[in-house]
Protein backbone atom coordinates (compact mmCIF):
# COMPACT_ATOMS: atom_id res chain seq x y z
CA MET A 1 85.47 121.81 -58.78
CA ALA A 2 88.86 121.10 -57.29
CA TYR A 3 88.06 121.95 -53.70
CA SER A 4 88.55 119.76 -50.67
CA SER A 5 87.09 120.72 -47.36
CA SER A 6 89.35 120.18 -44.39
CA LEU A 7 86.30 119.16 -42.38
CA PHE A 8 85.88 116.01 -44.43
CA SER A 9 89.46 115.39 -45.51
CA PRO A 10 91.26 112.33 -44.06
CA VAL A 11 94.46 114.40 -44.03
CA CYS A 12 95.04 116.35 -40.84
CA PHE A 13 96.33 119.86 -41.57
CA ASN A 14 98.55 121.23 -38.84
CA PRO A 15 98.34 125.02 -38.48
CA ASN A 16 101.88 125.16 -37.04
CA PRO A 17 104.38 124.94 -39.95
CA ASN A 18 107.34 124.31 -37.58
CA SER A 19 105.77 121.24 -36.06
CA LYS A 20 107.41 117.90 -36.97
CA ALA A 21 104.44 115.78 -35.91
CA SER A 22 102.94 113.65 -38.63
CA PRO A 23 99.17 113.67 -39.10
CA LEU A 24 98.90 110.06 -37.92
CA SER A 25 100.84 110.54 -34.68
CA HIS A 26 99.01 113.69 -33.65
CA LYS A 27 97.66 113.44 -30.13
CA PRO A 28 94.80 115.74 -29.20
CA THR A 29 95.49 118.01 -26.27
CA ARG A 30 93.15 117.94 -23.32
CA LYS A 31 91.51 121.17 -22.43
CA THR A 32 90.51 121.87 -18.88
CA LEU A 33 86.94 122.78 -18.15
CA THR A 34 86.03 125.73 -16.00
CA PRO A 35 85.07 124.48 -12.56
CA LEU A 36 81.36 124.55 -11.84
CA SER A 37 81.94 126.82 -8.85
CA THR A 38 83.12 129.65 -11.17
CA THR A 39 79.98 129.40 -13.28
CA THR A 40 77.86 129.37 -10.16
CA GLU A 41 79.59 132.53 -8.96
CA VAL A 42 78.72 134.30 -12.25
CA VAL A 43 75.08 133.28 -11.94
CA ALA A 44 75.02 134.22 -8.26
CA ALA A 45 76.56 137.60 -9.03
CA ALA A 46 73.85 138.22 -11.61
CA ALA A 47 71.02 137.27 -9.25
CA PRO A 48 70.37 140.80 -7.90
CA PHE A 49 69.80 142.20 -11.42
CA ASP A 50 66.50 142.17 -13.30
CA ALA A 51 65.65 139.87 -16.22
CA ALA A 52 67.18 142.19 -18.83
CA THR A 53 70.67 141.86 -17.33
CA LEU A 54 73.41 141.14 -19.82
CA LEU A 55 75.70 138.34 -18.67
CA ILE A 56 79.10 137.69 -20.13
CA ILE A 57 80.00 134.05 -19.82
CA GLY A 58 83.44 132.54 -20.51
CA GLY A 59 84.54 131.64 -24.01
CA GLY A 60 83.39 134.91 -25.54
CA SER A 61 79.74 133.90 -25.65
CA ILE A 62 77.14 136.41 -24.55
CA ALA A 63 73.81 135.48 -23.08
CA VAL A 64 71.02 137.98 -22.98
CA VAL A 65 68.21 137.13 -20.66
CA LEU A 66 64.94 138.70 -21.69
CA SER A 67 61.66 138.21 -19.98
CA LEU A 68 58.34 138.52 -21.77
CA SER A 69 56.79 139.43 -18.47
CA ASP A 70 58.93 142.61 -18.42
CA LEU A 71 57.59 143.53 -21.85
CA GLU A 72 54.07 142.92 -20.61
CA LYS A 73 54.77 145.11 -17.55
CA TRP A 74 55.99 147.91 -19.84
CA HIS A 75 52.83 147.64 -21.96
CA GLN A 76 50.70 147.77 -18.82
CA VAL A 77 52.51 150.88 -17.52
CA GLN A 78 51.95 152.59 -20.88
CA ALA A 79 48.27 151.60 -20.88
CA ASP A 80 47.81 152.79 -17.28
CA GLU A 81 49.28 156.20 -18.16
CA VAL A 82 46.48 156.80 -20.66
CA SER A 83 43.85 154.83 -18.70
CA GLY A 84 43.21 152.15 -21.29
CA GLY A 85 44.61 149.33 -23.39
CA ASP A 86 46.94 149.14 -26.36
CA LYS A 87 44.51 150.94 -28.67
CA GLU A 88 44.29 153.91 -26.33
CA VAL A 89 48.10 154.06 -26.09
CA VAL A 90 48.35 154.23 -29.90
CA ILE A 91 45.60 156.85 -30.15
CA GLU A 92 47.20 158.94 -27.41
CA TYR A 93 50.61 158.80 -29.12
CA PHE A 94 49.40 159.73 -32.61
CA ASN A 95 47.16 162.51 -31.31
CA ASN A 96 50.01 164.13 -29.35
CA ASN A 97 53.76 163.42 -29.58
CA GLY A 98 53.52 161.25 -32.68
CA PHE A 99 51.42 163.84 -34.47
CA GLN A 100 53.95 166.62 -33.78
CA ARG A 101 56.90 164.45 -34.87
CA TRP A 102 55.32 163.11 -38.04
CA ARG A 103 53.80 166.43 -39.05
CA LYS A 104 57.33 167.86 -39.18
CA ILE A 105 58.40 164.99 -41.41
CA TYR A 106 55.36 164.98 -43.70
CA ASP A 107 55.04 168.74 -44.11
CA GLU A 108 57.62 170.82 -45.88
CA THR A 109 59.13 172.88 -43.09
CA ASP A 110 62.54 174.17 -42.11
CA GLU A 111 62.15 172.85 -38.55
CA VAL A 112 63.55 169.40 -39.30
CA ASN A 113 66.87 167.90 -38.32
CA ARG A 114 69.01 165.82 -40.70
CA VAL A 115 67.39 162.53 -39.72
CA GLN A 116 63.89 163.94 -40.22
CA MET A 117 65.00 165.45 -43.54
CA ASP A 118 66.28 162.04 -44.70
CA ILE A 119 62.96 160.47 -43.73
CA GLN A 120 61.10 163.27 -45.51
CA ILE A 121 63.11 162.79 -48.72
CA GLY A 122 62.75 159.01 -48.54
CA HIS A 123 59.03 159.28 -47.87
CA SER A 124 58.54 161.63 -50.82
CA LYS A 125 60.33 159.14 -53.05
CA THR A 126 58.12 156.33 -51.73
CA VAL A 127 54.96 158.32 -52.47
CA GLU A 128 56.29 159.06 -55.96
CA ASN A 129 56.99 155.35 -56.52
CA VAL A 130 53.52 154.33 -55.29
CA ILE A 131 51.82 156.81 -57.62
CA GLN A 132 54.00 155.61 -60.52
CA MET A 133 53.21 151.97 -59.74
CA LEU A 134 49.47 152.68 -59.64
CA THR A 135 49.45 154.76 -62.82
CA ASP A 136 51.49 152.08 -64.64
CA GLU A 137 48.44 149.82 -64.23
CA GLY A 138 46.23 152.40 -65.91
CA PRO A 139 44.65 155.79 -65.28
CA LEU A 140 43.36 156.47 -61.76
CA GLU A 141 40.43 158.60 -62.94
CA GLY A 142 37.38 157.39 -60.99
CA VAL A 143 39.27 154.59 -59.20
CA THR A 144 38.37 154.33 -55.51
CA VAL A 145 41.39 154.11 -53.22
CA CYS A 146 41.30 153.41 -49.47
CA ASP A 147 44.17 155.15 -47.68
CA ALA A 148 44.11 153.38 -44.31
CA GLY A 149 46.36 155.21 -41.86
CA CYS A 150 46.36 158.34 -44.04
CA GLY A 151 48.42 160.40 -41.62
CA THR A 152 48.60 164.06 -42.55
CA ASP A 153 47.91 163.58 -46.31
CA CYS A 154 50.93 161.97 -47.99
CA LEU A 155 49.02 160.06 -50.65
CA LEU A 156 45.70 161.93 -50.62
CA ILE A 157 46.62 164.93 -52.75
CA PRO A 158 48.72 163.05 -55.35
CA LEU A 159 45.96 160.43 -55.74
CA ALA A 160 43.20 163.04 -55.98
CA LYS A 161 45.21 164.97 -58.57
CA GLN A 162 45.24 161.79 -60.65
CA GLY A 163 41.42 161.69 -60.42
CA ALA A 164 41.09 158.93 -57.82
CA VAL A 165 38.27 158.90 -55.26
CA VAL A 166 40.16 158.63 -51.97
CA LEU A 167 38.64 157.24 -48.79
CA ALA A 168 41.04 158.28 -46.05
CA SER A 169 41.03 157.04 -42.47
CA ASP A 170 43.33 157.18 -39.49
CA ILE A 171 43.08 156.21 -35.83
CA SER A 172 44.30 159.70 -34.92
CA ALA A 173 41.79 162.54 -34.98
CA ALA A 174 44.72 165.00 -35.09
CA MET A 175 46.13 163.33 -38.21
CA VAL A 176 42.73 163.33 -39.94
CA ALA A 177 42.17 167.01 -39.09
CA GLU A 178 45.59 167.91 -40.52
CA ALA A 179 44.93 165.87 -43.66
CA GLU A 180 41.57 167.63 -44.16
CA LYS A 181 43.32 170.98 -43.74
CA GLN A 182 46.00 170.08 -46.30
CA VAL A 183 43.43 168.85 -48.83
CA SER A 184 41.14 171.87 -48.37
CA SER A 185 44.06 174.22 -49.08
CA SER A 186 44.96 172.38 -52.31
CA PRO A 187 43.24 173.00 -55.65
CA LEU A 188 41.50 169.63 -56.07
CA PRO A 189 38.30 168.53 -57.76
CA THR A 190 35.40 168.53 -55.28
CA ASN A 191 33.99 165.42 -53.58
CA LEU A 192 37.01 163.29 -54.35
CA THR A 193 38.13 162.75 -50.78
CA VAL A 194 36.14 161.42 -47.84
CA PHE A 195 37.68 161.38 -44.37
CA ASP A 196 36.97 159.16 -41.40
CA ASN A 197 38.51 159.17 -37.96
CA VAL A 198 38.46 155.46 -37.19
CA VAL A 199 38.66 155.29 -33.43
CA ARG A 200 36.07 152.70 -32.45
CA THR A 201 37.20 149.75 -34.56
CA TRP A 202 40.48 147.86 -34.36
């Protein structure tokens, strides 16, 4: 390769084509440093803000100050709202707001916006790819599949139609109930799907 890096070249390349200085007589220019008092003023000005304050410091660099304690405070506020820990927050979300949001995406309905529709199309393609990947390994007839976090039924019906025995579980009772409803309304072989609302283990 005929490439020479200017970082390691003994020849000094001058970016100014009109300059008459030779590489050997080039004198570096001194740059002045920002006085410490200016930096102190920036830090002092930022003092009244919380830990997530965005500071812009000279030279185009940006410093973002994040505090893990703020994240912990947010988690605690969320847990206090549902009177429990992280597990209760997750259960509360997927039994209420999360269930309503994801049900729109999983189920074929006209009540979806463009973003939800894109997720729905992408999710359908993912399910199709998973089924194809599994059937490429051989027939699913009689194969036991554990669908952990089954949601509202995305993989249950396609797997059961292929003859798989599906053990479905989800931390959300609302998701499990919806999945059972979807499966019961589909023409599937009996006793192929067992549901469990896993709430007590984590």
